[in-house]
Amino acid sequence: MSCIDRLLWQITARNWMGWPTERRHRLTGKYQHIRYNETGVWKDGRQKYGGSPNGR
């Protein structure tokens, strides 16, 4: 299952540790984001950048 999941989702953003923080579904174009310090689960929608002056 995780092998198929990797084929369908493309990582579009990573944090400073190299962990994926945003992904896009290759077939539907749907975006999901994750915040490891909050819930640690993928949520629908684009990642909201903020908290730093350069937006990263």
C-alpha atoms as a PDB file:
ATOM      1  CA  MET A   1       0.000   0.000   0.000  1.00  0.00           C
ATOM      2  CA  SER A   2       2.752   2.501   0.863  1.00  0.00           C
ATOM      3  CA  CYS A   3       4.475   1.716  -2.438  1.00  0.00           C
ATOM      4  CA  ILE A   4       1.341   2.660  -4.381  1.00  0.00           C
ATOM      5  CA  ASP A   5       0.894   5.704  -2.146  1.00  0.00           C
ATOM      6  CA  ARG A   6       4.384   6.945  -3.089  1.00  0.00           C
ATOM      7  CA  LEU A   7       3.539   6.647  -6.777  1.00  0.00           C
ATOM      8  CA  LEU A   8       0.319   8.642  -6.462  1.00  0.00           C
ATOM      9  CA  TRP A   9       1.585  11.478  -4.239  1.00  0.00           C
ATOM     10  CA  GLN A  10       4.352  13.901  -5.220  1.00  0.00           C
ATOM     11  CA  ILE A  11       6.157  15.768  -2.428  1.00  0.00           C
ATOM     12  CA  THR A  12       6.007  19.514  -3.149  1.00  0.00           C
ATOM     13  CA  ALA A  13       7.595  20.965   0.018  1.00  0.00           C
ATOM     14  CA  ARG A  14       9.981  19.827   2.755  1.00  0.00           C
ATOM     15  CA  ASN A  15      11.020  21.296   6.082  1.00  0.00           C
ATOM     16  CA  TRP A  16      14.591  22.039   7.178  1.00  0.00           C
ATOM     17  CA  MET A  17      15.042  18.416   8.324  1.00  0.00           C
ATOM     18  CA  GLY A  18      14.030  17.055   4.928  1.00  0.00           C
ATOM     19  CA  TRP A  19      10.660  15.728   6.068  1.00  0.00           C
ATOM     20  CA  PRO A  20       7.779  16.210   3.605  1.00  0.00           C
ATOM     21  CA  THR A  21       5.324  18.937   4.640  1.00  0.00           C
ATOM     22  CA  GLU A  22       3.165  19.238   1.533  1.00  0.00           C
ATOM     23  CA  ARG A  23       2.149  16.812  -1.200  1.00  0.00           C
ATOM     24  CA  ARG A  24       0.060  16.822  -4.402  1.00  0.00           C
ATOM     25  CA  HIS A  25      -1.920  13.901  -5.790  1.00  0.00           C
ATOM     26  CA  ARG A  26      -0.649  13.108  -9.281  1.00  0.00           C
ATOM     27  CA  LEU A  27      -4.061  12.146 -10.695  1.00  0.00           C
ATOM     28  CA  THR A  28      -6.488  14.559  -9.019  1.00  0.00           C
ATOM     29  CA  GLY A  29      -4.174  17.520  -8.299  1.00  0.00           C
ATOM     30  CA  LYS A  30      -5.441  17.667  -4.692  1.00  0.00           C
ATOM     31  CA  TYR A  31      -2.996  19.127  -2.142  1.00  0.00           C
ATOM     32  CA  GLN A  32      -2.452  17.994   1.441  1.00  0.00           C
ATOM     33  CA  HIS A  33      -0.177  19.352   4.157  1.00  0.00           C
ATOM     34  CA  ILE A  34       1.110  18.079   7.491  1.00  0.00           C
ATOM     35  CA  ARG A  35       2.331  19.806  10.634  1.00  0.00           C
ATOM     36  CA  TYR A  36       4.399  17.414  12.706  1.00  0.00           C
ATOM     37  CA  ASN A  37       4.315  19.520  15.884  1.00  0.00           C
ATOM     38  CA  GLU A  38       0.494  19.692  15.948  1.00  0.00           C
ATOM     39  CA  THR A  39      -1.475  16.610  14.893  1.00  0.00           C
ATOM     40  CA  GLY A  40       0.981  14.763  12.664  1.00  0.00           C
ATOM     41  CA  VAL A  41      -1.714  13.776  10.139  1.00  0.00           C
ATOM     42  CA  TRP A  42      -2.191  14.858   6.525  1.00  0.00           C
ATOM     43  CA  LYS A  43      -4.900  17.540   6.101  1.00  0.00           C
ATOM     44  CA  ASP A  44      -6.535  18.720   2.887  1.00  0.00           C
ATOM     45  CA  GLY A  45      -5.438  22.023   1.369  1.00  0.00           C
ATOM     46  CA  ARG A  46      -2.209  23.872   0.705  1.00  0.00           C
ATOM     47  CA  GLN A  47       0.269  24.600   3.440  1.00  0.00           C
ATOM     48  CA  LYS A  48      -0.074  28.046   4.984  1.00  0.00           C
ATOM     49  CA  TYR A  49       3.343  29.664   5.209  1.00  0.00           C
ATOM     50  CA  GLY A  50       3.973  31.965   8.068  1.00  0.00           C
ATOM     51  CA  GLY A  51       5.816  32.569  11.261  1.00  0.00           C
ATOM     52  CA  SER A  52       9.005  33.788   9.651  1.00  0.00           C
ATOM     53  CA  PRO A  53       9.803  36.878   7.627  1.00  0.00           C
ATOM     54  CA  ASN A  54      10.905  34.936   4.548  1.00  0.00           C
ATOM     55  CA  GLY A  55       7.822  32.666   4.469  1.00  0.00           C
ATOM     56  CA  ARG A  56       9.631  29.355   4.904  1.00  0.00           C
END
